[in-house]
PDB file of all heavy atoms in Angstrom:
ATOM      1  N   VAL A   1     -26.013  17.830  -2.262  1.00  0.00           N
ATOM      2  CA  VAL A   1     -24.948  17.260  -1.420  1.00  0.00           C
ATOM      3  C   VAL A   1     -23.664  18.094  -1.463  1.00  0.00           C
ATOM      4  O   VAL A   1     -22.603  17.609  -1.081  1.00  0.00           O
ATOM      5  CB  VAL A   1     -24.637  15.801  -1.839  1.00  0.00           C
ATOM      6  CG1 VAL A   1     -25.806  14.896  -1.525  1.00  0.00           C
ATOM      7  CG2 VAL A   1     -24.277  15.717  -3.326  1.00  0.00           C
ATOM      8  N   LYS A   2     -23.755  19.344  -1.888  1.00  0.00           N
ATOM      9  CA  LYS A   2     -22.530  20.124  -2.045  1.00  0.00           C
ATOM     10  C   LYS A   2     -21.907  20.551  -0.716  1.00  0.00           C
ATOM     11  O   LYS A   2     -20.747  20.930  -0.670  1.00  0.00           O
ATOM     12  CB  LYS A   2     -22.781  21.355  -2.924  1.00  0.00           C
ATOM     13  CG  LYS A   2     -23.652  22.434  -2.301  1.00  0.00           C
ATOM     14  CD  LYS A   2     -23.805  23.597  -3.274  1.00  0.00           C
ATOM     15  CE  LYS A   2     -24.638  24.721  -2.678  1.00  0.00           C
ATOM     16  NZ  LYS A   2     -24.783  25.848  -3.628  1.00  0.00           N
ATOM     17  N   TYR A   3     -22.682  20.482   0.372  1.00  0.00           N
ATOM     18  CA  TYR A   3     -22.139  20.903   1.661  1.00  0.00           C
ATOM     19  C   TYR A   3     -21.674  19.740   2.535  1.00  0.00           C
ATOM     20  O   TYR A   3     -21.311  19.942   3.687  1.00  0.00           O
ATOM     21  CB  TYR A   3     -23.166  21.750   2.418  1.00  0.00           C
ATOM     22  CG  TYR A   3     -23.387  23.111   1.788  1.00  0.00           C
ATOM     23  CD1 TYR A   3     -24.634  23.474   1.300  1.00  0.00           C
ATOM     24  CD2 TYR A   3     -22.337  24.017   1.664  1.00  0.00           C
ATOM     25  CE1 TYR A   3     -24.828  24.712   0.709  1.00  0.00           C
ATOM     26  CE2 TYR A   3     -22.526  25.257   1.068  1.00  0.00           C
ATOM     27  CZ  TYR A   3     -23.776  25.597   0.604  1.00  0.00           C
ATOM     28  OH  TYR A   3     -23.965  26.828   0.016  1.00  0.00           O
ATOM     29  N   ILE A   4     -21.700  18.522   2.029  1.00  0.00           N
ATOM     30  CA  ILE A   4     -21.206  17.409   2.842  1.00  0.00           C
ATOM     31  C   ILE A   4     -19.695  17.278   2.653  1.00  0.00           C
ATOM     32  O   ILE A   4     -19.146  17.634   1.618  1.00  0.00           O
ATOM     33  CB  ILE A   4     -21.916  16.080   2.497  1.00  0.00           C
ATOM     34  CG1 ILE A   4     -21.531  15.590   1.099  1.00  0.00           C
ATOM     35  CG2 ILE A   4     -23.430  16.210   2.635  1.00  0.00           C
ATOM     36  CD1 ILE A   4     -22.046  14.189   0.784  1.00  0.00           C
ATOM     37  N   SER A   5     -19.024  16.771   3.679  1.00  0.00           N
ATOM     38  CA  SER A   5     -17.574  16.603   3.617  1.00  0.00           C
ATOM     39  C   SER A   5     -17.210  15.395   2.768  1.00  0.00           C
ATOM     40  O   SER A   5     -18.071  14.572   2.419  1.00  0.00           O
ATOM     41  CB  SER A   5     -17.012  16.418   5.027  1.00  0.00           C
ATOM     42  OG  SER A   5     -17.445  15.173   5.561  1.00  0.00           O
ATOM     43  N   HIS A   6     -15.925  15.278   2.459  1.00  0.00           N
ATOM     44  CA  HIS A   6     -15.472  14.119   1.688  1.00  0.00           C
ATOM     45  C   HIS A   6     -15.702  12.828   2.483  1.00  0.00           C
ATOM     46  O   HIS A   6     -16.066  11.795   1.907  1.00  0.00           O
ATOM     47  CB  HIS A   6     -13.995  14.270   1.338  1.00  0.00           C
ATOM     48  CG  HIS A   6     -13.460  13.171   0.475  1.00  0.00           C
ATOM     49  ND1 HIS A   6     -13.899  12.948  -0.811  1.00  0.00           N
ATOM     50  CD2 HIS A   6     -12.532  12.204   0.727  1.00  0.00           C
ATOM     51  CE1 HIS A   6     -13.266  11.905  -1.328  1.00  0.00           C
ATOM     52  NE2 HIS A   6     -12.436  11.443  -0.406  1.00  0.00           N
ATOM     53  N   LEU A   7     -15.509  12.889   3.797  1.00  0.00           N
ATOM     54  CA  LEU A   7     -15.751  11.710   4.638  1.00  0.00           C
ATOM     55  C   LEU A   7     -17.216  11.298   4.577  1.00  0.00           C
ATOM     56  O   LEU A   7     -17.540  10.105   4.467  1.00  0.00           O
ATOM     57  CB  LEU A   7     -15.341  12.002   6.085  1.00  0.00           C
ATOM     58  CG  LEU A   7     -15.559  10.871   7.093  1.00  0.00           C
ATOM     59  CD1 LEU A   7     -14.783   9.619   6.680  1.00  0.00           C
ATOM     60  CD2 LEU A   7     -15.149  11.325   8.485  1.00  0.00           C
ATOM     61  N   ASP A   8     -18.124  12.277   4.609  1.00  0.00           N
ATOM     62  CA  ASP A   8     -19.554  11.971   4.518  1.00  0.00           C
ATOM     63  C   ASP A   8     -19.911  11.411   3.142  1.00  0.00           C
ATOM     64  O   ASP A   8     -20.803  10.567   3.018  1.00  0.00           O
ATOM     65  CB  ASP A   8     -20.397  13.217   4.813  1.00  0.00           C
ATOM     66  CG  ASP A   8     -20.375  13.599   6.284  1.00  0.00           C
ATOM     67  OD1 ASP A   8     -20.180  12.694   7.116  1.00  0.00           O
ATOM     68  OD2 ASP A   8     -20.542  14.788   6.597  1.00  0.00           O
ATOM     69  N   LEU A   9     -19.220  11.890   2.117  1.00  0.00           N
ATOM     70  CA  LEU A   9     -19.441  11.353   0.772  1.00  0.00           C
ATOM     71  C   LEU A   9     -19.080   9.870   0.734  1.00  0.00           C
ATOM     72  O   LEU A   9     -19.827   9.046   0.183  1.00  0.00           O
ATOM     73  CB  LEU A   9     -18.601  12.124  -0.247  1.00  0.00           C
ATOM     74  CG  LEU A   9     -18.660  11.609  -1.684  1.00  0.00           C
ATOM     75  CD1 LEU A   9     -20.008  11.892  -2.304  1.00  0.00           C
ATOM     76  CD2 LEU A   9     -17.547  12.237  -2.529  1.00  0.00           C
ATOM     77  N   MET A  10     -17.947   9.529   1.332  1.00  0.00           N
ATOM     78  CA  MET A  10     -17.531   8.131   1.368  1.00  0.00           C
ATOM     79  C   MET A  10     -18.544   7.278   2.139  1.00  0.00           C
ATOM     80  O   MET A  10     -18.845   6.144   1.740  1.00  0.00           O
ATOM     81  CB  MET A  10     -16.145   8.023   2.000  1.00  0.00           C
ATOM     82  CG  MET A  10     -15.048   8.678   1.174  1.00  0.00           C
ATOM     83  SD  MET A  10     -13.434   8.694   1.994  1.00  0.00           S
ATOM     84  CE  MET A  10     -13.059   6.943   2.015  1.00  0.00           C
ATOM     85  N   LYS A  11     -19.080   7.827   3.217  1.00  0.00           N
ATOM     86  CA  LYS A  11     -20.093   7.103   3.987  1.00  0.00           C
ATOM     87  C   LYS A  11     -21.368   6.898   3.171  1.00  0.00           C
ATOM     88  O   LYS A  11     -22.021   5.856   3.265  1.00  0.00           O
ATOM     89  CB  LYS A  11     -20.405   7.856   5.277  1.00  0.00           C
ATOM     90  CG  LYS A  11     -19.279   7.837   6.293  1.00  0.00           C
ATOM     91  CD  LYS A  11     -19.637   8.647   7.534  1.00  0.00           C
ATOM     92  CE  LYS A  11     -18.524   8.612   8.569  1.00  0.00           C
ATOM     93  NZ  LYS A  11     -18.850   9.463   9.756  1.00  0.00           N
ATOM     94  N   SER A  12     -21.732   7.901   2.355  1.00  0.00           N
ATOM     95  CA  SER A  12     -22.918   7.781   1.497  1.00  0.00           C
ATOM     96  C   SER A  12     -22.736   6.649   0.492  1.00  0.00           C
ATOM     97  O   SER A  12     -23.668   5.883   0.218  1.00  0.00           O
ATOM     98  CB  SER A  12     -23.176   9.102   0.756  1.00  0.00           C
ATOM     99  OG  SER A  12     -23.533  10.127   1.642  1.00  0.00           O
ATOM    100  N   PHE A  13     -21.531   6.542  -0.071  1.00  0.00           N
ATOM    101  CA  PHE A  13     -21.249   5.453  -1.000  1.00  0.00           C
ATOM    102  C   PHE A  13     -21.294   4.108  -0.285  1.00  0.00           C
ATOM    103  O   PHE A  13     -21.835   3.127  -0.812  1.00  0.00           O
ATOM    104  CB  PHE A  13     -19.882   5.663  -1.660  1.00  0.00           C
ATOM    105  CG  PHE A  13     -19.950   6.392  -2.966  1.00  0.00           C
ATOM    106  CD1 PHE A  13     -19.954   7.781  -2.999  1.00  0.00           C
ATOM    107  CD2 PHE A  13     -20.014   5.706  -4.162  1.00  0.00           C
ATOM    108  CE1 PHE A  13     -20.021   8.464  -4.206  1.00  0.00           C
ATOM    109  CE2 PHE A  13     -20.085   6.371  -5.374  1.00  0.00           C
ATOM    110  CZ  PHE A  13     -20.082   7.759  -5.397  1.00  0.00           C
ATOM    111  N   ASP A  14     -20.719   4.046   0.902  1.00  0.00           N
ATOM    112  CA  ASP A  14     -20.711   2.803   1.662  1.00  0.00           C
ATOM    113  C   ASP A  14     -22.142   2.327   1.932  1.00  0.00           C
ATOM    114  O   ASP A  14     -22.477   1.148   1.736  1.00  0.00           O
ATOM    115  CB  ASP A  14     -19.962   3.013   2.980  1.00  0.00           C
ATOM    116  CG  ASP A  14     -19.661   1.709   3.702  1.00  0.00           C
ATOM    117  OD1 ASP A  14     -19.953   0.630   3.146  1.00  0.00           O
ATOM    118  OD2 ASP A  14     -19.141   1.756   4.831  1.00  0.00           O
ATOM    119  N   ARG A  15     -22.996   3.251   2.359  1.00  0.00           N
ATOM    120  CA  ARG A  15     -24.394   2.891   2.633  1.00  0.00           C
ATOM    121  C   ARG A  15     -25.112   2.437   1.368  1.00  0.00           C
ATOM    122  O   ARG A  15     -25.880   1.468   1.381  1.00  0.00           O
ATOM    123  CB  ARG A  15     -25.134   4.077   3.272  1.00  0.00           C
ATOM    124  CG  ARG A  15     -24.728   4.355   4.707  1.00  0.00           C
ATOM    125  CD  ARG A  15     -25.684   5.336   5.364  1.00  0.00           C
ATOM    126  NE  ARG A  15     -25.583   6.667   4.789  1.00  0.00           N
ATOM    127  CZ  ARG A  15     -24.795   7.623   5.254  1.00  0.00           C
ATOM    128  NH1 ARG A  15     -24.012   7.386   6.310  1.00  0.00           N
ATOM    129  NH2 ARG A  15     -24.761   8.811   4.696  1.00  0.00           N
ATOM    130  N   ALA A  16     -24.872   3.152   0.256  1.00  0.00           N
ATOM    131  CA  ALA A  16     -25.529   2.801  -1.002  1.00  0.00           C
ATOM    132  C   ALA A  16     -25.088   1.421  -1.484  1.00  0.00           C
ATOM    133  O   ALA A  16     -25.893   0.629  -1.980  1.00  0.00           O
ATOM    134  CB  ALA A  16     -25.234   3.863  -2.064  1.00  0.00           C
ATOM    135  N   ILE A  17     -23.797   1.131  -1.333  1.00  0.00           N
ATOM    136  CA  ILE A  17     -23.262  -0.179  -1.729  1.00  0.00           C
ATOM    137  C   ILE A  17     -23.925  -1.295  -0.934  1.00  0.00           C
ATOM    138  O   ILE A  17     -24.312  -2.335  -1.486  1.00  0.00           O
ATOM    139  CB  ILE A  17     -21.732  -0.191  -1.539  1.00  0.00           C
ATOM    140  CG1 ILE A  17     -21.056   0.649  -2.625  1.00  0.00           C
ATOM    141  CG2 ILE A  17     -21.182  -1.618  -1.564  1.00  0.00           C
ATOM    142  CD1 ILE A  17     -19.594   0.949  -2.336  1.00  0.00           C
ATOM    143  N   ARG A  18     -24.065  -1.075   0.362  1.00  0.00           N
ATOM    144  CA  ARG A  18     -24.675  -2.100   1.213  1.00  0.00           C
ATOM    145  C   ARG A  18     -26.152  -2.298   0.876  1.00  0.00           C
ATOM    146  O   ARG A  18     -26.633  -3.429   0.800  1.00  0.00           O
ATOM    147  CB  ARG A  18     -24.508  -1.720   2.690  1.00  0.00           C
ATOM    148  CG  ARG A  18     -23.054  -1.738   3.158  1.00  0.00           C
ATOM    149  CD  ARG A  18     -22.942  -1.252   4.599  1.00  0.00           C
ATOM    150  NE  ARG A  18     -21.561  -1.094   5.032  1.00  0.00           N
ATOM    151  CZ  ARG A  18     -20.842  -2.062   5.564  1.00  0.00           C
ATOM    152  NH1 ARG A  18     -21.365  -3.273   5.735  1.00  0.00           N
ATOM    153  NH2 ARG A  18     -19.588  -1.839   5.945  1.00  0.00           N
ATOM    154  N   ARG A  19     -26.863  -1.177   0.685  1.00  0.00           N
ATOM    155  CA  ARG A  19     -28.292  -1.276   0.351  1.00  0.00           C
ATOM    156  C   ARG A  19     -28.507  -1.994  -0.976  1.00  0.00           C
ATOM    157  O   ARG A  19     -29.464  -2.753  -1.140  1.00  0.00           O
ATOM    158  CB  ARG A  19     -28.925   0.120   0.303  1.00  0.00           C
ATOM    159  CG  ARG A  19     -29.247   0.731   1.647  1.00  0.00           C
ATOM    160  CD  ARG A  19     -30.190   1.917   1.508  1.00  0.00           C
ATOM    161  NE  ARG A  19     -29.582   3.000   0.750  1.00  0.00           N
ATOM    162  CZ  ARG A  19     -28.944   4.024   1.297  1.00  0.00           C
ATOM    163  NH1 ARG A  19     -28.806   4.080   2.622  1.00  0.00           N
ATOM    164  NH2 ARG A  19     -28.435   4.986   0.558  1.00  0.00           N
ATOM    165  N   ALA A  20     -27.617  -1.718  -1.935  1.00  0.00           N
ATOM    166  CA  ALA A  20     -27.767  -2.284  -3.279  1.00  0.00           C
ATOM    167  C   ALA A  20     -27.254  -3.711  -3.366  1.00  0.00           C
ATOM    168  O   ALA A  20     -27.465  -4.389  -4.376  1.00  0.00           O
ATOM    169  CB  ALA A  20     -27.039  -1.406  -4.293  1.00  0.00           C
ATOM    170  N   GLY A  21     -26.567  -4.176  -2.343  1.00  0.00           N
ATOM    171  CA  GLY A  21     -26.016  -5.530  -2.370  1.00  0.00           C
ATOM    172  C   GLY A  21     -24.926  -5.697  -3.417  1.00  0.00           C
ATOM    173  O   GLY A  21     -24.766  -6.778  -4.000  1.00  0.00           O
ATOM    174  N   ILE A  22     -24.156  -4.645  -3.657  1.00  0.00           N
ATOM    175  CA  ILE A  22     -23.085  -4.702  -4.653  1.00  0.00           C
ATOM    176  C   ILE A  22     -21.896  -5.453  -4.057  1.00  0.00           C
ATOM    177  O   ILE A  22     -21.457  -5.148  -2.941  1.00  0.00           O
ATOM    178  CB  ILE A  22     -22.677  -3.281  -5.080  1.00  0.00           C
ATOM    179  CG1 ILE A  22     -23.844  -2.603  -5.812  1.00  0.00           C
ATOM    180  CG2 ILE A  22     -21.440  -3.310  -5.968  1.00  0.00           C
ATOM    181  CD1 ILE A  22     -23.613  -1.139  -6.123  1.00  0.00           C
ATOM    182  N   PRO A  23     -21.340  -6.424  -4.776  1.00  0.00           N
ATOM    183  CA  PRO A  23     -20.252  -7.256  -4.231  1.00  0.00           C
ATOM    184  C   PRO A  23     -18.891  -6.569  -4.249  1.00  0.00           C
ATOM    185  O   PRO A  23     -17.953  -7.016  -4.916  1.00  0.00           O
ATOM    186  CB  PRO A  23     -20.281  -8.483  -5.142  1.00  0.00           C
ATOM    187  CG  PRO A  23     -20.753  -7.946  -6.454  1.00  0.00           C
ATOM    188  CD  PRO A  23     -21.763  -6.884  -6.122  1.00  0.00           C
ATOM    189  N   VAL A  24     -18.786  -5.449  -3.522  1.00  0.00           N
ATOM    190  CA  VAL A  24     -17.505  -4.761  -3.385  1.00  0.00           C
ATOM    191  C   VAL A  24     -16.642  -5.525  -2.388  1.00  0.00           C
ATOM    192  O   VAL A  24     -17.141  -6.040  -1.387  1.00  0.00           O
ATOM    193  CB  VAL A  24     -17.727  -3.303  -2.909  1.00  0.00           C
ATOM    194  CG1 VAL A  24     -16.414  -2.660  -2.496  1.00  0.00           C
ATOM    195  CG2 VAL A  24     -18.375  -2.484  -4.013  1.00  0.00           C
ATOM    196  N   ILE A  25     -15.359  -5.610  -2.662  1.00  0.00           N
ATOM    197  CA  ILE A  25     -14.427  -6.279  -1.767  1.00  0.00           C
ATOM    198  C   ILE A  25     -14.115  -5.359  -0.588  1.00  0.00           C
ATOM    199  O   ILE A  25     -13.865  -4.160  -0.769  1.00  0.00           O
ATOM    200  CB  ILE A  25     -13.123  -6.645  -2.505  1.00  0.00           C
ATOM    201  CG1 ILE A  25     -13.450  -7.465  -3.760  1.00  0.00           C
ATOM    202  CG2 ILE A  25     -12.178  -7.398  -1.587  1.00  0.00           C
ATOM    203  CD1 ILE A  25     -14.230  -8.735  -3.495  1.00  0.00           C
ATOM    204  N   TYR A  26     -14.148  -5.907   0.612  1.00  0.00           N
ATOM    205  CA  TYR A  26     -13.880  -5.131   1.824  1.00  0.00           C
ATOM    206  C   TYR A  26     -12.487  -5.436   2.362  1.00  0.00           C
ATOM    207  O   TYR A  26     -11.948  -6.536   2.180  1.00  0.00           O
ATOM    208  CB  TYR A  26     -14.928  -5.428   2.899  1.00  0.00           C
ATOM    209  CG  TYR A  26     -16.224  -4.684   2.675  1.00  0.00           C
ATOM    210  CD1 TYR A  26     -17.120  -5.077   1.682  1.00  0.00           C
ATOM    211  CD2 TYR A  26     -16.539  -3.553   3.422  1.00  0.00           C
ATOM    212  CE1 TYR A  26     -18.290  -4.386   1.447  1.00  0.00           C
ATOM    213  CE2 TYR A  26     -17.721  -2.846   3.203  1.00  0.00           C
ATOM    214  CZ  TYR A  26     -18.585  -3.264   2.219  1.00  0.00           C
ATOM    215  OH  TYR A  26     -19.753  -2.568   1.993  1.00  0.00           O
ATOM    216  N   SER A  27     -11.926  -4.455   3.037  1.00  0.00           N
ATOM    217  CA  SER A  27     -10.611  -4.633   3.661  1.00  0.00           C
ATOM    218  C   SER A  27     -10.725  -5.605   4.827  1.00  0.00           C
ATOM    219  O   SER A  27     -11.811  -5.861   5.352  1.00  0.00           O
ATOM    220  CB  SER A  27     -10.081  -3.284   4.153  1.00  0.00           C
ATOM    221  OG  SER A  27     -10.935  -2.757   5.162  1.00  0.00           O
ATOM    222  N   GLN A  28      -9.576  -6.125   5.238  1.00  0.00           N
ATOM    223  CA  GLN A  28      -9.540  -7.031   6.374  1.00  0.00           C
ATOM    224  C   GLN A  28      -9.317  -6.231   7.657  1.00  0.00           C
ATOM    225  O   GLN A  28      -8.967  -5.061   7.631  1.00  0.00           O
ATOM    226  CB  GLN A  28      -8.402  -8.046   6.193  1.00  0.00           C
ATOM    227  CG  GLN A  28      -8.501  -8.865   4.914  1.00  0.00           C
ATOM    228  CD  GLN A  28      -9.744  -9.740   4.879  1.00  0.00           C
ATOM    229  OE1 GLN A  28     -10.055 -10.416   5.857  1.00  0.00           O
ATOM    230  NE2 GLN A  28     -10.444  -9.712   3.753  1.00  0.00           N
ATOM    231  N   GLY A  29      -9.558  -6.876   8.804  1.00  0.00           N
ATOM    232  CA  GLY A  29      -9.261  -6.220  10.073  1.00  0.00           C
ATOM    233  C   GLY A  29     -10.491  -5.950  10.902  1.00  0.00           C
ATOM    234  O   GLY A  29     -11.610  -6.377  10.588  1.00  0.00           O
ATOM    235  N   PHE A  30     -10.281  -5.210  11.991  1.00  0.00           N
ATOM    236  CA  PHE A  30     -11.338  -4.961  12.967  1.00  0.00           C
ATOM    237  C   PHE A  30     -12.467  -4.106  12.400  1.00  0.00           C
ATOM    238  O   PHE A  30     -13.629  -4.292  12.730  1.00  0.00           O
ATOM    239  CB  PHE A  30     -10.730  -4.280  14.201  1.00  0.00           C
ATOM    240  CG  PHE A  30     -11.729  -3.985  15.275  1.00  0.00           C
ATOM    241  CD1 PHE A  30     -12.240  -5.006  16.083  1.00  0.00           C
ATOM    242  CD2 PHE A  30     -12.179  -2.690  15.488  1.00  0.00           C
ATOM    243  CE1 PHE A  30     -13.173  -4.731  17.080  1.00  0.00           C
ATOM    244  CE2 PHE A  30     -13.114  -2.410  16.478  1.00  0.00           C
ATOM    245  CZ  PHE A  30     -13.603  -3.441  17.280  1.00  0.00           C
ATOM    246  N   ASN A  31     -12.122  -3.142  11.542  1.00  0.00           N
ATOM    247  CA  ASN A  31     -13.128  -2.218  11.000  1.00  0.00           C
ATOM    248  C   ASN A  31     -13.071  -2.251   9.477  1.00  0.00           C
ATOM    249  O   ASN A  31     -12.545  -1.329   8.843  1.00  0.00           O
ATOM    250  CB  ASN A  31     -12.871  -0.807  11.523  1.00  0.00           C
ATOM    251  CG  ASN A  31     -13.934   0.181  11.090  1.00  0.00           C
ATOM    252  OD1 ASN A  31     -15.084  -0.185  10.860  1.00  0.00           O
ATOM    253  ND2 ASN A  31     -13.543   1.437  10.962  1.00  0.00           N
ATOM    254  N   PRO A  32     -13.615  -3.297   8.848  1.00  0.00           N
ATOM    255  CA  PRO A  32     -13.519  -3.419   7.384  1.00  0.00           C
ATOM    256  C   PRO A  32     -14.265  -2.298   6.660  1.00  0.00           C
ATOM    257  O   PRO A  32     -15.327  -1.848   7.108  1.00  0.00           O
ATOM    258  CB  PRO A  32     -14.155  -4.785   7.107  1.00  0.00           C
ATOM    259  CG  PRO A  32     -15.027  -5.057   8.272  1.00  0.00           C
ATOM    260  CD  PRO A  32     -14.368  -4.418   9.447  1.00  0.00           C
ATOM    261  N   HIS A  33     -13.699  -1.851   5.567  1.00  0.00           N
ATOM    262  CA  HIS A  33     -14.346  -0.822   4.762  1.00  0.00           C
ATOM    263  C   HIS A  33     -14.199  -1.196   3.289  1.00  0.00           C
ATOM    264  O   HIS A  33     -13.292  -1.946   2.913  1.00  0.00           O
ATOM    265  CB  HIS A  33     -13.717   0.551   5.026  1.00  0.00           C
ATOM    266  CG  HIS A  33     -12.241   0.603   4.779  1.00  0.00           C
ATOM    267  ND1 HIS A  33     -11.311   0.288   5.755  1.00  0.00           N
ATOM    268  CD2 HIS A  33     -11.524   0.920   3.664  1.00  0.00           C
ATOM    269  CE1 HIS A  33     -10.094   0.411   5.248  1.00  0.00           C
ATOM    270  NE2 HIS A  33     -10.188   0.794   3.989  1.00  0.00           N
ATOM    271  N   PRO A  34     -15.091  -0.710   2.441  1.00  0.00           N
ATOM    272  CA  PRO A  34     -15.043  -1.092   1.024  1.00  0.00           C
ATOM    273  C   PRO A  34     -13.776  -0.596   0.344  1.00  0.00           C
ATOM    274  O   PRO A  34     -13.296   0.505   0.635  1.00  0.00           O
ATOM    275  CB  PRO A  34     -16.288  -0.426   0.429  1.00  0.00           C
ATOM    276  CG  PRO A  34     -16.641   0.664   1.374  1.00  0.00           C
ATOM    277  CD  PRO A  34     -16.224   0.207   2.721  1.00  0.00           C
ATOM    278  N   ASN A  35     -13.227  -1.419  -0.537  1.00  0.00           N
ATOM    279  CA  ASN A  35     -12.035  -1.028  -1.286  1.00  0.00           C
ATOM    280  C   ASN A  35     -12.441  -0.078  -2.411  1.00  0.00           C
ATOM    281  O   ASN A  35     -12.733  -0.481  -3.541  1.00  0.00           O
ATOM    282  CB  ASN A  35     -11.335  -2.262  -1.856  1.00  0.00           C
ATOM    283  CG  ASN A  35     -10.617  -3.062  -0.781  1.00  0.00           C
ATOM    284  OD1 ASN A  35     -10.395  -2.575   0.321  1.00  0.00           O
ATOM    285  ND2 ASN A  35     -10.268  -4.295  -1.100  1.00  0.00           N
ATOM    286  N   MET A  36     -12.498   1.208  -2.071  1.00  0.00           N
ATOM    287  CA  MET A  36     -12.860   2.243  -3.041  1.00  0.00           C
ATOM    288  C   MET A  36     -11.909   3.415  -2.872  1.00  0.00           C
ATOM    289  O   MET A  36     -11.489   3.744  -1.762  1.00  0.00           O
ATOM    290  CB  MET A  36     -14.310   2.685  -2.858  1.00  0.00           C
ATOM    291  CG  MET A  36     -14.663   3.203  -1.476  1.00  0.00           C
ATOM    292  SD  MET A  36     -16.433   3.602  -1.345  1.00  0.00           S
ATOM    293  CE  MET A  36     -16.501   4.219   0.345  1.00  0.00           C
ATOM    294  N   VAL A  37     -11.535   4.011  -3.991  1.00  0.00           N
ATOM    295  CA  VAL A  37     -10.613   5.144  -4.005  1.00  0.00           C
ATOM    296  C   VAL A  37     -11.238   6.246  -4.856  1.00  0.00           C
ATOM    297  O   VAL A  37     -11.653   6.001  -5.992  1.00  0.00           O
ATOM    298  CB  VAL A  37      -9.239   4.751  -4.589  1.00  0.00           C
ATOM    299  CG1 VAL A  37      -8.312   5.957  -4.629  1.00  0.00           C
ATOM    300  CG2 VAL A  37      -8.609   3.631  -3.771  1.00  0.00           C
ATOM    301  N   PHE A  38     -11.294   7.465  -4.298  1.00  0.00           N
ATOM    302  CA  PHE A  38     -11.884   8.587  -5.009  1.00  0.00           C
ATOM    303  C   PHE A  38     -10.801   9.465  -5.625  1.00  0.00           C
ATOM    304  O   PHE A  38      -9.659   9.496  -5.163  1.00  0.00           O
ATOM    305  CB  PHE A  38     -12.748   9.420  -4.063  1.00  0.00           C
ATOM    306  CG  PHE A  38     -14.010   8.729  -3.643  1.00  0.00           C
ATOM    307  CD1 PHE A  38     -13.996   7.810  -2.616  1.00  0.00           C
ATOM    308  CD2 PHE A  38     -15.201   8.982  -4.306  1.00  0.00           C
ATOM    309  CE1 PHE A  38     -15.154   7.153  -2.232  1.00  0.00           C
ATOM    310  CE2 PHE A  38     -16.373   8.334  -3.921  1.00  0.00           C
ATOM    311  CZ  PHE A  38     -16.342   7.407  -2.888  1.00  0.00           C
ATOM    312  N   GLY A  39     -11.191  10.188  -6.658  1.00  0.00           N
ATOM    313  CA  GLY A  39     -10.286  11.145  -7.281  1.00  0.00           C
ATOM    314  C   GLY A  39     -10.107  12.357  -6.386  1.00  0.00           C
ATOM    315  O   GLY A  39     -10.284  12.278  -5.167  1.00  0.00           O
ATOM    316  N   LEU A  40      -9.794  13.476  -6.952  1.00  0.00           N
ATOM    317  CA  LEU A  40      -9.511  14.697  -6.207  1.00  0.00           C
ATOM    318  C   LEU A  40     -10.720  15.138  -5.388  1.00  0.00           C
ATOM    319  O   LEU A  40     -11.769  15.450  -5.956  1.00  0.00           O
ATOM    320  CB  LEU A  40      -9.123  15.805  -7.200  1.00  0.00           C
ATOM    321  CG  LEU A  40      -8.572  17.097  -6.625  1.00  0.00           C
ATOM    322  CD1 LEU A  40      -7.198  16.866  -6.026  1.00  0.00           C
ATOM    323  CD2 LEU A  40      -8.500  18.151  -7.724  1.00  0.00           C
ATOM    324  N   PRO A  41     -10.619  15.173  -4.045  1.00  0.00           N
ATOM    325  CA  PRO A  41     -11.765  15.580  -3.219  1.00  0.00           C
ATOM    326  C   PRO A  41     -12.217  16.996  -3.547  1.00  0.00           C
ATOM    327  O   PRO A  41     -11.390  17.881  -3.806  1.00  0.00           O
ATOM    328  CB  PRO A  41     -11.229  15.480  -1.787  1.00  0.00           C
ATOM    329  CG  PRO A  41     -10.098  14.507  -1.866  1.00  0.00           C
ATOM    330  CD  PRO A  41      -9.470  14.743  -3.213  1.00  0.00           C
TER     331      PRO A  41
END
């Protein structure tokens, strides 16, 4: 996965979280996303 962008990395985590059924808290609004923050890209 060394050639994927940081945005694609975040999408990979989002998909994995959903598949695993992990109870991550999502943001509010029209396009909710998981409350996750990464270190230095």
